[in-house]
Amino acid sequence: MPINVNGRKIHILASHPTPPVFDGPENRNGKRNHDEIRFWKDYIHGKQSDYIYDDNGLKGGLASNKPFIILGDQNASSVEGDAINASIKALITNEKLQDPMPTSVGGKLHNENNDNAQYHTAYWGMRADYVLPSTLDFTIKNSGVFWPKKDDDTYRLIKDRAASSDHRLVWVDLELPQ
């Protein structure tokens, strides 16, 4: 989805791949999650995107000189969970992307015995949600996960699924050159 930011076109590549669970030993959902995440890696790399085509039959991915942000609930972590983590690892370490590694104190306190908890974006204990700006044009100024501590006034907004979601908001402050 192209958006206009002060006269500059930024491509938002949003997705919500299949959770890599809730299936049988054939691991269809796990494989589907892997492939749906791998799609973005292919989409942002010229020759790897030759198999992709749109509704008008136009083939290929995003032009290499276009700034973009990949975001969404990818339902995968490079270090935890049931996903085939090779695709999310390849995405967050991709030379065309920046991983701001957002953190929260609330996430860390939610699961104090987990070394990765400060990076968690989901109540059930995993980094599943991402905002990954391209290296082209963006400077990361700050990032975080909206996960207030239990004694914070805003905790009511995330205290349970009835209040909002089992996922937490991931935010990134970006700067574009003039």
N, C-alpha and C. Protein backbone atom coordinates (compact mmCIF):
# COMPACT_ATOMS: atom_id res chain seq x y z
N MET A 1 0.85 -1.15 0.00
CA MET A 1 0.00 0.00 0.00
C MET A 1 0.91 1.23 0.00
N PRO A 2 0.92 2.01 -1.06
CA PRO A 2 1.73 3.22 -1.08
C PRO A 2 1.02 4.34 -0.31
N ILE A 3 1.78 5.04 0.52
CA ILE A 3 1.23 6.20 1.22
C ILE A 3 2.14 7.40 0.94
N ASN A 4 1.55 8.57 1.00
CA ASN A 4 2.28 9.81 0.74
C ASN A 4 2.65 10.44 2.07
N VAL A 5 3.95 10.63 2.29
CA VAL A 5 4.45 11.29 3.49
C VAL A 5 5.25 12.51 3.03
N ASN A 6 4.65 13.67 3.20
CA ASN A 6 5.30 14.92 2.78
C ASN A 6 5.82 14.86 1.35
N GLY A 7 5.01 14.34 0.45
CA GLY A 7 5.37 14.27 -0.96
C GLY A 7 6.23 13.07 -1.35
N ARG A 8 6.54 12.20 -0.41
CA ARG A 8 7.35 11.01 -0.70
C ARG A 8 6.48 9.77 -0.60
N LYS A 9 6.64 8.87 -1.54
CA LYS A 9 5.86 7.64 -1.54
C LYS A 9 6.60 6.58 -0.71
N ILE A 10 5.92 6.10 0.31
CA ILE A 10 6.43 5.03 1.17
C ILE A 10 5.53 3.82 0.97
N HIS A 11 6.12 2.67 0.73
CA HIS A 11 5.34 1.45 0.52
C HIS A 11 5.20 0.70 1.85
N ILE A 12 3.96 0.49 2.26
CA ILE A 12 3.66 -0.27 3.47
C ILE A 12 3.34 -1.70 3.03
N LEU A 13 4.14 -2.64 3.50
CA LEU A 13 3.97 -4.05 3.16
C LEU A 13 3.48 -4.75 4.43
N ALA A 14 2.18 -4.88 4.54
CA ALA A 14 1.56 -5.39 5.76
C ALA A 14 1.05 -6.81 5.54
N SER A 15 1.22 -7.62 6.58
CA SER A 15 0.73 -9.00 6.48
C SER A 15 0.46 -9.59 7.85
N HIS A 16 -0.26 -10.69 7.83
CA HIS A 16 -0.59 -11.45 9.04
C HIS A 16 -0.58 -12.93 8.66
N PRO A 17 0.63 -13.51 8.54
CA PRO A 17 0.72 -14.92 8.15
C PRO A 17 0.00 -15.87 9.11
N THR A 18 -0.33 -17.01 8.57
CA THR A 18 -0.96 -18.10 9.31
C THR A 18 -0.17 -18.43 10.57
N PRO A 19 -0.85 -18.62 11.70
CA PRO A 19 -0.11 -19.12 12.87
C PRO A 19 0.47 -20.50 12.56
N PRO A 20 1.72 -20.77 12.98
CA PRO A 20 2.37 -22.03 12.62
C PRO A 20 1.97 -23.21 13.53
N VAL A 21 0.76 -23.20 14.01
CA VAL A 21 0.27 -24.23 14.93
C VAL A 21 -1.14 -24.65 14.51
N PHE A 22 -1.79 -25.43 15.32
CA PHE A 22 -3.18 -25.86 15.09
C PHE A 22 -3.31 -26.78 13.88
N ASP A 23 -2.31 -27.60 13.62
CA ASP A 23 -2.43 -28.57 12.54
C ASP A 23 -1.84 -29.90 12.99
N GLY A 24 -1.65 -30.80 12.08
CA GLY A 24 -1.16 -32.13 12.41
C GLY A 24 0.32 -32.30 12.15
N PRO A 25 0.76 -33.54 12.11
CA PRO A 25 2.19 -33.82 11.94
C PRO A 25 2.74 -33.37 10.59
N GLU A 26 1.88 -33.12 9.62
CA GLU A 26 2.36 -32.65 8.31
C GLU A 26 2.83 -31.20 8.37
N ASN A 27 2.45 -30.48 9.43
CA ASN A 27 2.92 -29.11 9.68
C ASN A 27 2.54 -28.13 8.56
N ARG A 28 1.34 -28.28 8.02
CA ARG A 28 0.90 -27.39 6.94
C ARG A 28 0.91 -25.92 7.35
N ASN A 29 0.39 -25.64 8.54
CA ASN A 29 0.36 -24.24 8.98
C ASN A 29 1.76 -23.70 9.23
N GLY A 30 2.64 -24.53 9.75
CA GLY A 30 4.03 -24.11 9.95
C GLY A 30 4.71 -23.79 8.63
N LYS A 31 4.49 -24.63 7.65
CA LYS A 31 5.09 -24.42 6.32
C LYS A 31 4.46 -23.21 5.63
N ARG A 32 3.17 -23.04 5.80
CA ARG A 32 2.49 -21.88 5.21
C ARG A 32 3.01 -20.59 5.83
N ASN A 33 3.15 -20.57 7.17
CA ASN A 33 3.69 -19.39 7.84
C ASN A 33 5.08 -19.07 7.31
N HIS A 34 5.92 -20.08 7.18
CA HIS A 34 7.28 -19.89 6.66
C HIS A 34 7.24 -19.26 5.26
N ASP A 35 6.40 -19.80 4.40
CA ASP A 35 6.34 -19.31 3.02
C ASP A 35 5.73 -17.91 2.92
N GLU A 36 4.75 -17.61 3.77
CA GLU A 36 4.15 -16.28 3.75
C GLU A 36 5.14 -15.21 4.21
N ILE A 37 6.01 -15.55 5.14
CA ILE A 37 7.05 -14.61 5.57
C ILE A 37 8.13 -14.52 4.50
N ARG A 38 8.52 -15.67 3.94
CA ARG A 38 9.55 -15.68 2.89
C ARG A 38 9.12 -14.84 1.68
N PHE A 39 7.82 -14.75 1.44
CA PHE A 39 7.31 -13.94 0.34
C PHE A 39 7.89 -12.53 0.38
N TRP A 40 7.93 -11.91 1.58
CA TRP A 40 8.43 -10.54 1.69
C TRP A 40 9.91 -10.46 1.31
N LYS A 41 10.69 -11.44 1.71
CA LYS A 41 12.11 -11.46 1.35
C LYS A 41 12.24 -11.50 -0.17
N ASP A 42 11.45 -12.33 -0.80
CA ASP A 42 11.48 -12.41 -2.26
C ASP A 42 10.97 -11.12 -2.90
N TYR A 43 9.91 -10.55 -2.35
CA TYR A 43 9.27 -9.37 -2.92
C TYR A 43 10.21 -8.17 -2.97
N ILE A 44 11.10 -8.05 -1.99
CA ILE A 44 12.00 -6.89 -1.94
C ILE A 44 13.34 -7.14 -2.64
N HIS A 45 13.52 -8.35 -3.21
CA HIS A 45 14.77 -8.68 -3.90
C HIS A 45 14.50 -9.04 -5.36
N GLY A 46 14.75 -8.12 -6.26
CA GLY A 46 14.59 -8.25 -7.70
C GLY A 46 14.35 -9.63 -8.28
N LYS A 47 15.41 -10.38 -8.61
CA LYS A 47 15.28 -11.64 -9.32
C LYS A 47 14.51 -12.70 -8.55
N GLN A 48 14.54 -12.65 -7.22
CA GLN A 48 13.80 -13.62 -6.43
C GLN A 48 12.29 -13.40 -6.52
N SER A 49 11.87 -12.29 -7.09
CA SER A 49 10.44 -11.98 -7.16
C SER A 49 9.82 -12.28 -8.52
N ASP A 50 10.56 -12.96 -9.39
CA ASP A 50 10.05 -13.23 -10.75
C ASP A 50 8.76 -14.04 -10.76
N TYR A 51 8.53 -14.85 -9.74
CA TYR A 51 7.33 -15.70 -9.71
C TYR A 51 6.09 -14.94 -9.23
N ILE A 52 6.26 -13.74 -8.70
CA ILE A 52 5.15 -12.98 -8.14
C ILE A 52 4.47 -12.18 -9.25
N TYR A 53 3.14 -12.23 -9.28
CA TYR A 53 2.41 -11.42 -10.26
C TYR A 53 1.14 -10.88 -9.61
N ASP A 54 0.69 -9.72 -10.09
CA ASP A 54 -0.49 -9.09 -9.52
C ASP A 54 -1.74 -9.41 -10.33
N ASP A 55 -2.84 -8.80 -9.98
CA ASP A 55 -4.13 -9.06 -10.64
C ASP A 55 -4.12 -8.69 -12.12
N ASN A 56 -3.22 -7.81 -12.52
CA ASN A 56 -3.11 -7.41 -13.92
C ASN A 56 -2.08 -8.23 -14.68
N GLY A 57 -1.49 -9.22 -14.01
CA GLY A 57 -0.50 -10.07 -14.64
C GLY A 57 0.91 -9.49 -14.65
N LEU A 58 1.11 -8.36 -13.99
CA LEU A 58 2.44 -7.76 -13.92
C LEU A 58 3.31 -8.56 -12.96
N LYS A 59 4.50 -8.93 -13.42
CA LYS A 59 5.39 -9.78 -12.61
C LYS A 59 6.45 -8.96 -11.90
N GLY A 60 6.93 -9.52 -10.79
CA GLY A 60 8.03 -8.92 -10.05
C GLY A 60 7.61 -8.35 -8.73
N GLY A 61 8.61 -7.88 -7.99
CA GLY A 61 8.37 -7.31 -6.67
C GLY A 61 8.56 -5.82 -6.67
N LEU A 62 8.95 -5.31 -5.54
CA LEU A 62 9.14 -3.88 -5.34
C LEU A 62 10.45 -3.43 -5.97
N ALA A 63 10.41 -2.30 -6.65
CA ALA A 63 11.63 -1.73 -7.25
C ALA A 63 12.64 -1.43 -6.15
N SER A 64 13.91 -1.64 -6.44
CA SER A 64 14.96 -1.53 -5.42
C SER A 64 15.18 -0.12 -4.89
N ASN A 65 14.68 0.89 -5.56
CA ASN A 65 14.91 2.26 -5.10
C ASN A 65 13.71 2.84 -4.36
N LYS A 66 12.80 2.00 -3.90
CA LYS A 66 11.59 2.45 -3.23
C LYS A 66 11.68 2.20 -1.73
N PRO A 67 11.49 3.24 -0.90
CA PRO A 67 11.47 3.02 0.54
C PRO A 67 10.20 2.26 0.95
N PHE A 68 10.34 1.39 1.94
CA PHE A 68 9.21 0.56 2.36
C PHE A 68 9.34 0.22 3.84
N ILE A 69 8.23 -0.25 4.39
CA ILE A 69 8.19 -0.76 5.76
C ILE A 69 7.40 -2.06 5.73
N ILE A 70 8.00 -3.12 6.22
CA ILE A 70 7.28 -4.39 6.40
C ILE A 70 6.76 -4.40 7.83
N LEU A 71 5.47 -4.66 7.98
CA LEU A 71 4.91 -4.68 9.33
C LEU A 71 3.78 -5.67 9.45
N GLY A 72 3.52 -6.07 10.67
CA GLY A 72 2.40 -6.94 10.95
C GLY A 72 2.73 -8.02 11.95
N ASP A 73 1.72 -8.80 12.23
CA ASP A 73 1.83 -9.96 13.10
C ASP A 73 2.32 -11.12 12.23
N GLN A 74 3.60 -11.41 12.31
CA GLN A 74 4.17 -12.47 11.48
C GLN A 74 4.02 -13.85 12.12
N ASN A 75 3.55 -13.91 13.37
CA ASN A 75 3.34 -15.18 14.06
C ASN A 75 4.59 -16.05 14.08
N ALA A 76 5.76 -15.43 14.17
CA ALA A 76 7.00 -16.19 14.19
C ALA A 76 8.07 -15.40 14.93
N SER A 77 8.96 -16.13 15.54
CA SER A 77 10.12 -15.56 16.23
C SER A 77 11.37 -16.29 15.76
N SER A 78 12.46 -15.58 15.76
CA SER A 78 13.72 -16.23 15.36
C SER A 78 14.31 -17.06 16.49
N VAL A 79 13.80 -16.93 17.70
CA VAL A 79 14.40 -17.62 18.85
C VAL A 79 13.43 -18.43 19.70
N GLU A 80 12.13 -18.30 19.47
CA GLU A 80 11.14 -19.01 20.30
C GLU A 80 9.98 -19.49 19.45
N GLY A 81 9.16 -20.32 20.01
CA GLY A 81 7.91 -20.71 19.38
C GLY A 81 8.02 -21.90 18.45
N ASP A 82 6.91 -22.17 17.76
CA ASP A 82 6.77 -23.36 16.93
C ASP A 82 7.00 -23.12 15.44
N ALA A 83 7.33 -21.90 15.06
CA ALA A 83 7.51 -21.58 13.63
C ALA A 83 8.79 -22.22 13.09
N ILE A 84 8.80 -22.42 11.78
CA ILE A 84 10.04 -22.74 11.08
C ILE A 84 10.74 -21.38 11.00
N ASN A 85 11.68 -21.14 11.90
CA ASN A 85 12.15 -19.78 12.08
C ASN A 85 13.14 -19.27 11.05
N ALA A 86 13.50 -20.07 10.07
CA ALA A 86 14.47 -19.62 9.05
C ALA A 86 13.96 -18.41 8.27
N SER A 87 12.67 -18.34 8.00
CA SER A 87 12.15 -17.23 7.19
C SER A 87 12.15 -15.92 7.97
N ILE A 88 11.74 -15.94 9.24
CA ILE A 88 11.74 -14.70 10.01
C ILE A 88 13.17 -14.27 10.31
N LYS A 89 14.07 -15.23 10.52
CA LYS A 89 15.49 -14.90 10.71
C LYS A 89 16.04 -14.21 9.47
N ALA A 90 15.72 -14.76 8.30
CA ALA A 90 16.20 -14.18 7.05
C ALA A 90 15.62 -12.78 6.84
N LEU A 91 14.41 -12.56 7.29
CA LEU A 91 13.79 -11.24 7.12
C LEU A 91 14.41 -10.21 8.05
N ILE A 92 14.52 -10.52 9.33
CA ILE A 92 15.01 -9.51 10.28
C ILE A 92 16.51 -9.24 10.15
N THR A 93 17.23 -10.13 9.47
CA THR A 93 18.66 -9.91 9.25
C THR A 93 18.96 -9.49 7.81
N ASN A 94 17.92 -9.25 7.04
CA ASN A 94 18.08 -8.88 5.64
C ASN A 94 18.80 -7.54 5.50
N GLU A 95 19.73 -7.45 4.56
CA GLU A 95 20.52 -6.23 4.38
C GLU A 95 19.68 -5.04 3.91
N LYS A 96 18.46 -5.28 3.44
CA LYS A 96 17.59 -4.18 3.00
C LYS A 96 16.69 -3.67 4.12
N LEU A 97 16.78 -4.31 5.29
CA LEU A 97 15.89 -3.97 6.40
C LEU A 97 16.66 -3.58 7.65
N GLN A 98 15.99 -2.81 8.50
CA GLN A 98 16.50 -2.48 9.82
C GLN A 98 15.56 -3.09 10.86
N ASP A 99 16.11 -3.76 11.84
CA ASP A 99 15.31 -4.30 12.93
C ASP A 99 15.53 -3.44 14.17
N PRO A 100 14.53 -2.65 14.56
CA PRO A 100 14.71 -1.76 15.70
C PRO A 100 14.73 -2.48 17.05
N MET A 101 14.43 -3.75 17.08
CA MET A 101 14.43 -4.55 18.32
C MET A 101 13.67 -3.84 19.45
N PRO A 102 12.38 -3.55 19.24
CA PRO A 102 11.62 -2.84 20.28
C PRO A 102 11.50 -3.67 21.56
N THR A 103 11.47 -2.98 22.68
CA THR A 103 11.38 -3.64 23.98
C THR A 103 10.30 -3.00 24.83
N SER A 104 10.01 -3.67 25.95
CA SER A 104 9.10 -3.10 26.95
C SER A 104 9.48 -3.64 28.32
N VAL A 105 9.28 -2.80 29.32
CA VAL A 105 9.47 -3.24 30.70
C VAL A 105 8.33 -4.18 31.09
N GLY A 106 7.10 -3.86 30.64
CA GLY A 106 5.95 -4.71 30.95
C GLY A 106 6.12 -6.12 30.46
N GLY A 107 6.67 -6.28 29.24
CA GLY A 107 6.92 -7.62 28.71
C GLY A 107 7.96 -8.37 29.52
N LYS A 108 8.99 -7.66 29.91
CA LYS A 108 10.04 -8.28 30.72
C LYS A 108 9.49 -8.75 32.07
N LEU A 109 8.67 -7.92 32.69
CA LEU A 109 8.09 -8.28 33.98
C LEU A 109 7.04 -9.38 33.85
N HIS A 110 6.40 -9.47 32.69
CA HIS A 110 5.37 -10.49 32.48
C HIS A 110 5.94 -11.91 32.55
N ASN A 111 7.20 -12.05 32.14
CA ASN A 111 7.84 -13.36 32.15
C ASN A 111 9.31 -13.19 32.54
N GLU A 112 9.54 -12.92 33.81
CA GLU A 112 10.88 -12.56 34.29
C GLU A 112 11.93 -13.65 34.10
N ASN A 113 11.52 -14.89 33.94
CA ASN A 113 12.46 -15.99 33.79
C ASN A 113 12.86 -16.25 32.34
N ASN A 114 12.39 -15.42 31.43
CA ASN A 114 12.69 -15.59 30.01
C ASN A 114 13.62 -14.47 29.56
N ASP A 115 14.79 -14.83 29.08
CA ASP A 115 15.78 -13.84 28.64
C ASP A 115 15.29 -12.98 27.47
N ASN A 116 14.31 -13.47 26.72
CA ASN A 116 13.80 -12.73 25.56
C ASN A 116 12.55 -11.91 25.87
N ALA A 117 12.07 -11.97 27.10
CA ALA A 117 10.77 -11.37 27.44
C ALA A 117 10.69 -9.88 27.14
N GLN A 118 11.78 -9.15 27.24
CA GLN A 118 11.72 -7.71 26.96
C GLN A 118 11.36 -7.43 25.51
N TYR A 119 11.56 -8.41 24.62
CA TYR A 119 11.24 -8.27 23.19
C TYR A 119 9.86 -8.84 22.82
N HIS A 120 9.19 -9.47 23.77
CA HIS A 120 7.91 -10.10 23.47
C HIS A 120 6.87 -9.06 23.06
N THR A 121 6.06 -9.45 22.10
CA THR A 121 4.97 -8.59 21.65
C THR A 121 3.62 -9.27 21.84
N ALA A 122 3.62 -10.49 22.35
CA ALA A 122 2.39 -11.24 22.55
C ALA A 122 2.32 -11.75 23.99
N TYR A 123 1.15 -11.69 24.56
CA TYR A 123 0.91 -12.09 25.94
C TYR A 123 1.39 -13.51 26.22
N TRP A 124 1.26 -14.38 25.24
CA TRP A 124 1.63 -15.79 25.42
C TRP A 124 3.13 -16.02 25.33
N GLY A 125 3.93 -14.96 25.22
CA GLY A 125 5.36 -15.06 25.41
C GLY A 125 6.21 -15.28 24.19
N MET A 126 6.16 -14.34 23.23
CA MET A 126 7.00 -14.46 22.05
C MET A 126 7.00 -13.12 21.30
N ARG A 127 8.08 -12.86 20.59
CA ARG A 127 8.07 -11.74 19.66
C ARG A 127 7.40 -12.24 18.39
N ALA A 128 6.25 -11.69 18.08
CA ALA A 128 5.49 -12.13 16.92
C ALA A 128 5.16 -10.98 15.97
N ASP A 129 5.29 -9.75 16.46
CA ASP A 129 4.84 -8.57 15.72
C ASP A 129 6.04 -7.68 15.40
N TYR A 130 6.04 -7.13 14.19
CA TYR A 130 7.22 -6.45 13.68
C TYR A 130 6.89 -5.16 12.95
N VAL A 131 7.81 -4.20 13.03
CA VAL A 131 7.85 -3.03 12.17
C VAL A 131 9.29 -2.96 11.69
N LEU A 132 9.51 -3.22 10.40
CA LEU A 132 10.85 -3.34 9.83
C LEU A 132 11.01 -2.34 8.68
N PRO A 133 11.57 -1.17 8.96
CA PRO A 133 11.76 -0.19 7.88
C PRO A 133 12.93 -0.58 6.99
N SER A 134 12.84 -0.18 5.74
CA SER A 134 13.95 -0.42 4.81
C SER A 134 15.14 0.45 5.21
N THR A 135 16.31 0.04 4.78
CA THR A 135 17.52 0.82 5.04
C THR A 135 17.54 2.07 4.16
N LEU A 136 16.75 2.05 3.10
CA LEU A 136 16.68 3.18 2.18
C LEU A 136 15.87 4.31 2.80
N ASP A 137 16.50 5.40 3.11
CA ASP A 137 15.87 6.65 3.54
C ASP A 137 15.47 6.75 5.02
N PHE A 138 15.30 5.67 5.73
CA PHE A 138 14.81 5.77 7.11
C PHE A 138 15.94 5.75 8.13
N THR A 139 15.80 6.59 9.14
CA THR A 139 16.65 6.54 10.32
C THR A 139 15.76 6.22 11.51
N ILE A 140 16.09 5.18 12.25
CA ILE A 140 15.31 4.81 13.42
C ILE A 140 15.71 5.73 14.57
N LYS A 141 14.73 6.41 15.15
CA LYS A 141 14.98 7.31 16.27
C LYS A 141 14.63 6.66 17.61
N ASN A 142 13.61 5.81 17.62
CA ASN A 142 13.18 5.16 18.85
C ASN A 142 12.21 4.04 18.50
N SER A 143 11.99 3.13 19.43
CA SER A 143 11.02 2.05 19.21
C SER A 143 10.61 1.48 20.55
N GLY A 144 9.54 0.73 20.53
CA GLY A 144 9.09 0.08 21.76
C GLY A 144 7.89 -0.79 21.52
N VAL A 145 7.49 -1.46 22.58
CA VAL A 145 6.29 -2.29 22.60
C VAL A 145 5.40 -1.68 23.68
N PHE A 146 4.15 -1.38 23.34
CA PHE A 146 3.23 -0.82 24.32
C PHE A 146 2.77 -1.95 25.24
N TRP A 147 3.47 -2.08 26.35
CA TRP A 147 3.15 -3.09 27.34
C TRP A 147 3.37 -2.46 28.72
N PRO A 148 2.38 -1.71 29.19
CA PRO A 148 2.52 -1.04 30.48
C PRO A 148 2.64 -2.03 31.63
N LYS A 149 3.31 -1.58 32.70
CA LYS A 149 3.39 -2.38 33.92
C LYS A 149 2.02 -2.40 34.59
N LYS A 150 1.80 -3.38 35.46
CA LYS A 150 0.50 -3.54 36.10
C LYS A 150 0.08 -2.34 36.94
N ASP A 151 1.03 -1.57 37.46
CA ASP A 151 0.68 -0.41 38.27
C ASP A 151 0.53 0.87 37.44
N ASP A 152 0.63 0.77 36.14
CA ASP A 152 0.48 1.92 35.25
C ASP A 152 -1.00 2.15 34.96
N ASP A 153 -1.42 3.41 34.86
CA ASP A 153 -2.83 3.74 34.57
C ASP A 153 -3.31 3.14 33.25
N THR A 154 -2.41 2.99 32.28
CA THR A 154 -2.82 2.47 30.97
C THR A 154 -2.85 0.93 30.91
N TYR A 155 -2.50 0.26 31.99
CA TYR A 155 -2.52 -1.20 32.00
C TYR A 155 -3.92 -1.75 31.67
N ARG A 156 -4.95 -1.02 32.05
CA ARG A 156 -6.33 -1.44 31.79
C ARG A 156 -6.57 -1.67 30.30
N LEU A 157 -5.78 -1.01 29.45
CA LEU A 157 -5.96 -1.14 28.00
C LEU A 157 -5.48 -2.48 27.46
N ILE A 158 -4.66 -3.19 28.23
CA ILE A 158 -4.10 -4.47 27.74
C ILE A 158 -4.26 -5.60 28.74
N LYS A 159 -5.00 -5.39 29.82
CA LYS A 159 -5.02 -6.36 30.92
C LYS A 159 -5.52 -7.74 30.52
N ASP A 160 -6.37 -7.82 29.51
CA ASP A 160 -6.83 -9.13 29.02
C ASP A 160 -7.37 -8.98 27.60
N ARG A 161 -7.74 -10.09 26.99
CA ARG A 161 -8.22 -10.05 25.60
C ARG A 161 -9.50 -9.24 25.44
N ALA A 162 -10.31 -9.20 26.49
CA ALA A 162 -11.53 -8.40 26.42
C ALA A 162 -11.20 -6.90 26.33
N ALA A 163 -10.06 -6.51 26.90
CA ALA A 163 -9.65 -5.11 26.86
C ALA A 163 -9.09 -4.74 25.48
N SER A 164 -8.37 -5.64 24.85
CA SER A 164 -7.81 -5.33 23.53
C SER A 164 -7.45 -6.61 22.77
N SER A 165 -6.26 -7.11 22.98
CA SER A 165 -5.75 -8.23 22.21
C SER A 165 -4.71 -8.97 23.03
N ASP A 166 -4.33 -10.14 22.59
CA ASP A 166 -3.22 -10.83 23.24
C ASP A 166 -1.88 -10.40 22.63
N HIS A 167 -1.93 -9.50 21.66
CA HIS A 167 -0.73 -8.90 21.06
C HIS A 167 -0.61 -7.46 21.54
N ARG A 168 0.61 -6.97 21.57
CA ARG A 168 0.87 -5.61 22.00
C ARG A 168 1.27 -4.76 20.80
N LEU A 169 0.98 -3.49 20.88
CA LEU A 169 1.32 -2.54 19.83
C LEU A 169 2.83 -2.36 19.76
N VAL A 170 3.38 -2.50 18.56
CA VAL A 170 4.79 -2.23 18.32
C VAL A 170 4.86 -0.88 17.61
N TRP A 171 5.73 0.00 18.08
CA TRP A 171 5.85 1.32 17.47
C TRP A 171 7.32 1.63 17.18
N VAL A 172 7.51 2.40 16.13
CA VAL A 172 8.85 2.82 15.74
C VAL A 172 8.77 4.27 15.26
N ASP A 173 9.61 5.13 15.84
CA ASP A 173 9.75 6.51 15.37
C ASP A 173 10.81 6.53 14.30
N LEU A 174 10.44 7.01 13.13
CA LEU A 174 11.36 7.05 11.99
C LEU A 174 11.56 8.48 11.52
N GLU A 175 12.73 8.72 10.97
CA GLU A 175 13.01 10.02 10.37
C GLU A 175 13.34 9.81 8.90
N LEU A 176 12.75 10.66 8.08
CA LEU A 176 13.06 10.68 6.64
C LEU A 176 13.90 11.90 6.33
N PRO A 177 14.87 11.79 5.45
CA PRO A 177 15.63 12.98 5.09
C PRO A 177 14.73 13.98 4.36
N GLN A 178 15.09 15.25 4.43
CA GLN A 178 14.28 16.31 3.78
C GLN A 178 14.38 16.23 2.28
